[in-house]
Amino acid sequence: MDPIAEAQFRKFLKERNRAFETGDLEWARRNMPFEPSSPVVVEIAFHKARAACRAVSKARRKASEEWLKANGYGPMGGTVADWRALQ
């Protein structure tokens, strides 16, 4: 990877990790690859991504898993039934 691209990627990861630790949904909205249809779409995407991110504390990942379960959503790329496979 060229040095400029690598520096940009590292900056993105630092910002992502901060956003995931602090629950920054505005960061998530700004970084979505499309205009979300509603704030709920942003929140679902945020929690799915945070629950799957190993760079985030276990407490934050667990909080997102619980939010997704409580609202009837499964993990990234899965369904509610897939939570059992992740335990």
Protein backbone atom coordinates (compact mmCIF):
# COMPACT_ATOMS: atom_id res chain seq x y z
CA MET A 1 0.00 0.00 0.00
CA ASP A 2 1.35 3.42 -0.81
CA PRO A 3 2.24 5.59 2.20
CA ILE A 4 -0.50 8.17 1.59
CA ALA A 5 -3.24 5.53 1.29
CA GLU A 6 -1.89 3.76 4.36
CA ALA A 7 -1.97 6.98 6.40
CA GLN A 8 -5.54 7.70 5.26
CA PHE A 9 -6.61 4.18 6.18
CA ARG A 10 -5.01 4.42 9.63
CA LYS A 11 -6.77 7.76 10.18
CA PHE A 12 -10.10 6.20 9.17
CA LEU A 13 -9.57 3.27 11.58
CA LYS A 14 -8.75 5.65 14.43
CA GLU A 15 -11.89 7.69 13.73
CA ARG A 16 -14.01 4.53 13.39
CA ASN A 17 -12.76 3.11 16.66
CA ARG A 18 -13.45 6.40 18.45
CA ALA A 19 -16.95 6.54 16.96
CA PHE A 20 -17.68 2.94 17.98
CA GLU A 21 -16.44 3.51 21.53
CA THR A 22 -18.43 6.72 21.96
CA GLY A 23 -21.59 5.73 20.08
CA ASP A 24 -21.18 8.48 17.47
CA LEU A 25 -24.13 7.87 15.15
CA GLU A 26 -23.43 11.10 13.27
CA TRP A 27 -20.04 9.69 12.22
CA ALA A 28 -21.84 6.55 11.03
CA ARG A 29 -24.34 8.60 8.99
CA ARG A 30 -21.55 10.61 7.32
CA ASN A 31 -19.66 7.44 6.38
CA MET A 32 -22.51 5.41 4.94
CA PRO A 33 -21.98 4.62 1.24
CA PHE A 34 -25.50 5.87 0.43
CA GLU A 35 -28.03 8.34 1.79
CA PRO A 36 -29.87 6.41 4.53
CA SER A 37 -33.64 6.25 4.28
CA SER A 38 -34.06 7.00 7.99
CA PRO A 39 -32.09 7.46 11.23
CA VAL A 40 -33.06 3.91 12.18
CA VAL A 41 -31.13 2.56 9.18
CA VAL A 42 -28.03 4.38 10.45
CA GLU A 43 -28.49 2.96 13.94
CA ILE A 44 -28.98 -0.60 12.67
CA ALA A 45 -25.88 -0.38 10.45
CA PHE A 46 -23.87 1.16 13.30
CA HIS A 47 -24.76 -1.59 15.76
CA LYS A 48 -24.18 -4.38 13.22
CA ALA A 49 -20.73 -2.99 12.39
CA ARG A 50 -19.79 -2.29 16.02
CA ALA A 51 -20.88 -5.75 17.17
CA ALA A 52 -18.58 -7.29 14.54
CA CYS A 53 -15.55 -5.04 15.14
CA ARG A 54 -12.81 -6.74 17.17
CA ALA A 55 -10.99 -3.41 17.63
CA VAL A 56 -13.79 -2.24 19.94
CA SER A 57 -14.13 -3.15 23.61
CA LYS A 58 -16.12 -6.26 24.47
CA ALA A 59 -18.52 -4.10 26.48
CA ARG A 60 -19.38 -1.96 23.44
CA ARG A 61 -19.72 -5.01 21.17
CA LYS A 62 -22.01 -6.64 23.74
CA ALA A 63 -24.11 -3.47 24.01
CA SER A 64 -24.61 -3.49 20.24
CA GLU A 65 -25.45 -7.20 20.23
CA GLU A 66 -28.07 -6.58 22.91
CA TRP A 67 -29.50 -3.60 21.01
CA LEU A 68 -29.77 -5.66 17.83
CA LYS A 69 -31.41 -8.59 19.64
CA ALA A 70 -33.86 -6.33 21.49
CA ASN A 71 -34.89 -4.74 18.20
CA GLY A 72 -35.19 -8.02 16.28
CA TYR A 73 -32.03 -7.78 14.17
CA GLY A 74 -29.33 -10.37 13.61
CA PRO A 75 -25.56 -10.01 13.35
CA MET A 76 -23.75 -8.66 10.30
CA GLY A 77 -24.66 -10.88 7.37
CA GLY A 78 -27.06 -12.99 9.40
CA THR A 79 -30.42 -13.36 11.05
CA VAL A 80 -31.60 -13.40 14.63
CA ALA A 81 -31.22 -17.20 14.67
CA ASP A 82 -27.50 -16.76 13.89
CA TRP A 83 -26.86 -15.28 17.34
CA ARG A 84 -26.89 -18.82 18.71
CA ALA A 85 -24.01 -19.78 16.42
CA LEU A 86 -21.91 -16.89 17.75
CA GLN A 87 -22.27 -17.82 21.43
